[in-house]
Amino acid sequence: QVQFVESGGGLVQPGGSLRLSCATSGSGFSFYRMGWYRQAPGKQRELVAAITVGGSPNYADFVKGRFTISRDNAKNTLYLQMNSLKPEDTAVYYCNVGITSMIHPWGQGTQVTVSS
């Protein structure tokens, strides 16, 4: 199994930026399509962005043009650069395998709060 430790969240004003990191351990990171998910209070967890082993990204419509997903297979680490943040981006962000049928146990996530 892959284990996940997310970091980089915080409080930011609308229009601001944050960079999230996800350190992984265990086997398999470099073989999996990976993804960033988020869960806002009272809402279901949703896929924000995913990236293939070869580095091809895919984004949910609500973050296209604002977020950038990347990975470093040598470091077993996943990243999410978030720009032009909006209050509706407020959520706990998690990383996991980017295929919903292959989800591993979730990490603790990192809180992102966008507020003035």
C-alpha atoms as a PDB file:
ATOM      1  CA  GLN A   1       0.000   0.000   0.000  1.00  0.00           C
ATOM      2  CA  VAL A   2       0.931   3.631  -0.405  1.00  0.00           C
ATOM      3  CA  GLN A   3       0.801   5.978   2.581  1.00  0.00           C
ATOM      4  CA  PHE A   4       0.269   9.721   2.177  1.00  0.00           C
ATOM      5  CA  VAL A   5       1.358  12.786   4.169  1.00  0.00           C
ATOM      6  CA  GLU A   6      -0.062  16.042   2.855  1.00  0.00           C
ATOM      7  CA  SER A   7       1.310  19.464   3.757  1.00  0.00           C
ATOM      8  CA  GLY A   8       1.366  23.074   2.629  1.00  0.00           C
ATOM      9  CA  GLY A   9      -2.148  24.186   3.453  1.00  0.00           C
ATOM     10  CA  GLY A  10      -3.040  27.325   5.340  1.00  0.00           C
ATOM     11  CA  LEU A  11      -5.047  30.512   5.392  1.00  0.00           C
ATOM     12  CA  VAL A  12      -4.798  32.681   2.302  1.00  0.00           C
ATOM     13  CA  GLN A  13      -6.703  35.663   0.960  1.00  0.00           C
ATOM     14  CA  PRO A  14      -8.790  35.395  -2.213  1.00  0.00           C
ATOM     15  CA  GLY A  15      -6.518  35.637  -5.223  1.00  0.00           C
ATOM     16  CA  GLY A  16      -3.594  34.202  -3.319  1.00  0.00           C
ATOM     17  CA  SER A  17      -1.517  31.081  -3.917  1.00  0.00           C
ATOM     18  CA  LEU A  18      -0.490  27.954  -2.068  1.00  0.00           C
ATOM     19  CA  ARG A  19       1.611  24.954  -2.986  1.00  0.00           C
ATOM     20  CA  LEU A  20       0.613  21.616  -1.539  1.00  0.00           C
ATOM     21  CA  SER A  21       2.943  18.648  -1.235  1.00  0.00           C
ATOM     22  CA  CYS A  22       2.196  14.997  -0.693  1.00  0.00           C
ATOM     23  CA  ALA A  23       5.001  12.774   0.498  1.00  0.00           C
ATOM     24  CA  THR A  24       4.336   9.106  -0.061  1.00  0.00           C
ATOM     25  CA  SER A  25       5.822   5.939   1.336  1.00  0.00           C
ATOM     26  CA  GLY A  26       5.263   2.306   0.653  1.00  0.00           C
ATOM     27  CA  SER A  27       5.372   0.783  -2.773  1.00  0.00           C
ATOM     28  CA  GLY A  28       3.804   1.844  -5.984  1.00  0.00           C
ATOM     29  CA  PHE A  29       3.864   5.642  -6.293  1.00  0.00           C
ATOM     30  CA  SER A  30       5.762   5.626  -9.567  1.00  0.00           C
ATOM     31  CA  PHE A  31       3.358   3.094 -11.045  1.00  0.00           C
ATOM     32  CA  TYR A  32       0.110   4.890 -10.277  1.00  0.00           C
ATOM     33  CA  ARG A  33      -1.879   7.690 -11.787  1.00  0.00           C
ATOM     34  CA  MET A  34      -2.049  10.057  -8.800  1.00  0.00           C
ATOM     35  CA  GLY A  35      -4.606  12.632  -7.799  1.00  0.00           C
ATOM     36  CA  TRP A  36      -5.486  15.485  -5.495  1.00  0.00           C
ATOM     37  CA  TYR A  37      -8.923  15.397  -3.905  1.00  0.00           C
ATOM     38  CA  ARG A  38     -10.725  17.822  -1.661  1.00  0.00           C
ATOM     39  CA  GLN A  39     -13.608  17.746   0.767  1.00  0.00           C
ATOM     40  CA  ALA A  40     -15.446  20.837   1.899  1.00  0.00           C
ATOM     41  CA  PRO A  41     -17.663  20.808   5.004  1.00  0.00           C
ATOM     42  CA  GLY A  42     -20.935  19.041   4.311  1.00  0.00           C
ATOM     43  CA  LYS A  43     -19.845  17.957   0.834  1.00  0.00           C
ATOM     44  CA  GLN A  44     -18.540  14.776  -0.703  1.00  0.00           C
ATOM     45  CA  ARG A  45     -14.879  14.354  -1.478  1.00  0.00           C
ATOM     46  CA  GLU A  46     -14.152  15.266  -5.099  1.00  0.00           C
ATOM     47  CA  LEU A  47     -11.264  14.785  -7.489  1.00  0.00           C
ATOM     48  CA  VAL A  48      -9.517  18.068  -8.243  1.00  0.00           C
ATOM     49  CA  ALA A  49      -6.680  16.996 -10.511  1.00  0.00           C
ATOM     50  CA  ALA A  50      -4.867  13.855 -11.584  1.00  0.00           C
ATOM     51  CA  ILE A  51      -1.590  13.085 -13.299  1.00  0.00           C
ATOM     52  CA  THR A  52      -0.398  10.004 -15.144  1.00  0.00           C
ATOM     53  CA  VAL A  53       2.874   8.224 -14.470  1.00  0.00           C
ATOM     54  CA  GLY A  54       4.306   9.995 -17.497  1.00  0.00           C
ATOM     55  CA  GLY A  55       3.191  13.423 -16.272  1.00  0.00           C
ATOM     56  CA  SER A  56       0.050  14.137 -18.280  1.00  0.00           C
ATOM     57  CA  PRO A  57      -2.369  16.182 -16.154  1.00  0.00           C
ATOM     58  CA  ASN A  58      -6.122  16.291 -16.039  1.00  0.00           C
ATOM     59  CA  TYR A  59      -8.178  18.888 -14.155  1.00  0.00           C
ATOM     60  CA  ALA A  60     -11.689  19.334 -12.915  1.00  0.00           C
ATOM     61  CA  ASP A  61     -13.387  22.210 -14.710  1.00  0.00           C
ATOM     62  CA  PHE A  62     -13.592  24.282 -11.539  1.00  0.00           C
ATOM     63  CA  VAL A  63      -9.786  24.493 -11.210  1.00  0.00           C
ATOM     64  CA  LYS A  64      -8.675  24.570 -14.843  1.00  0.00           C
ATOM     65  CA  GLY A  65      -6.315  27.423 -15.524  1.00  0.00           C
ATOM     66  CA  ARG A  66      -5.696  28.017 -11.804  1.00  0.00           C
ATOM     67  CA  PHE A  67      -4.199  24.799 -10.404  1.00  0.00           C
ATOM     68  CA  THR A  68      -1.205  22.811 -11.638  1.00  0.00           C
ATOM     69  CA  ILE A  69      -0.496  19.243 -10.607  1.00  0.00           C
ATOM     70  CA  SER A  70       2.983  17.770 -10.848  1.00  0.00           C
ATOM     71  CA  ARG A  71       4.947  14.818  -9.547  1.00  0.00           C
ATOM     72  CA  ASP A  72       8.512  13.837  -8.809  1.00  0.00           C
ATOM     73  CA  ASN A  73       8.757  10.073  -9.190  1.00  0.00           C
ATOM     74  CA  ALA A  74      12.328  10.044  -7.869  1.00  0.00           C
ATOM     75  CA  LYS A  75      11.121  11.636  -4.621  1.00  0.00           C
ATOM     76  CA  ASN A  76       7.765   9.822  -4.502  1.00  0.00           C
ATOM     77  CA  THR A  77       6.120  13.219  -4.078  1.00  0.00           C
ATOM     78  CA  LEU A  78       3.043  14.828  -5.561  1.00  0.00           C
ATOM     79  CA  TYR A  79       2.450  18.590  -5.767  1.00  0.00           C
ATOM     80  CA  LEU A  80      -0.430  20.958  -6.361  1.00  0.00           C
ATOM     81  CA  GLN A  81       0.254  24.590  -7.184  1.00  0.00           C
ATOM     82  CA  MET A  82      -2.892  26.592  -6.525  1.00  0.00           C
ATOM     83  CA  ASN A  83      -3.201  30.130  -7.866  1.00  0.00           C
ATOM     84  CA  SER A  84      -6.059  32.626  -7.964  1.00  0.00           C
ATOM     85  CA  LEU A  85      -7.651  30.929  -5.000  1.00  0.00           C
ATOM     86  CA  LYS A  86     -11.338  31.513  -4.315  1.00  0.00           C
ATOM     87  CA  PRO A  87     -13.351  31.113  -1.116  1.00  0.00           C
ATOM     88  CA  GLU A  88     -15.057  28.091  -2.670  1.00  0.00           C
ATOM     89  CA  ASP A  89     -11.667  26.350  -2.793  1.00  0.00           C
ATOM     90  CA  THR A  90     -11.784  26.104   0.990  1.00  0.00           C
ATOM     91  CA  ALA A  91     -11.562  22.421   1.891  1.00  0.00           C
ATOM     92  CA  VAL A  92      -9.324  19.713   3.257  1.00  0.00           C
ATOM     93  CA  TYR A  93      -7.073  18.529   0.446  1.00  0.00           C
ATOM     94  CA  TYR A  94      -5.917  14.946   0.146  1.00  0.00           C
ATOM     95  CA  CYS A  95      -3.738  13.012  -2.242  1.00  0.00           C
ATOM     96  CA  ASN A  96      -4.325   9.426  -3.279  1.00  0.00           C
ATOM     97  CA  VAL A  97      -4.248   7.169  -6.286  1.00  0.00           C
ATOM     98  CA  GLY A  98      -5.994   8.995  -9.104  1.00  0.00           C
ATOM     99  CA  ILE A  99      -8.263   6.091  -9.949  1.00  0.00           C
ATOM    100  CA  THR A 100     -11.298   5.974  -7.670  1.00  0.00           C
ATOM    101  CA  SER A 101     -11.559   2.187  -7.815  1.00  0.00           C
ATOM    102  CA  MET A 102      -8.008   1.875  -6.479  1.00  0.00           C
ATOM    103  CA  ILE A 103      -8.102   4.293  -3.537  1.00  0.00           C
ATOM    104  CA  HIS A 104      -5.695   3.524  -0.674  1.00  0.00           C
ATOM    105  CA  PRO A 105      -6.320   4.503   2.967  1.00  0.00           C
ATOM    106  CA  TRP A 106      -6.550   8.272   3.244  1.00  0.00           C
ATOM    107  CA  GLY A 107      -3.955  10.455   4.938  1.00  0.00           C
ATOM    108  CA  GLN A 108      -4.826  13.270   7.330  1.00  0.00           C
ATOM    109  CA  GLY A 109      -5.118  15.855   4.571  1.00  0.00           C
ATOM    110  CA  THR A 110      -4.139  19.513   4.719  1.00  0.00           C
ATOM    111  CA  GLN A 111      -6.599  22.339   5.387  1.00  0.00           C
ATOM    112  CA  VAL A 112      -6.857  25.148   2.857  1.00  0.00           C
ATOM    113  CA  THR A 113      -8.884  28.158   3.902  1.00  0.00           C
ATOM    114  CA  VAL A 114      -9.464  31.040   1.502  1.00  0.00           C
ATOM    115  CA  SER A 115     -10.849  34.040   3.289  1.00  0.00           C
ATOM    116  CA  SER A 116     -10.336  37.771   3.640  1.00  0.00           C
END
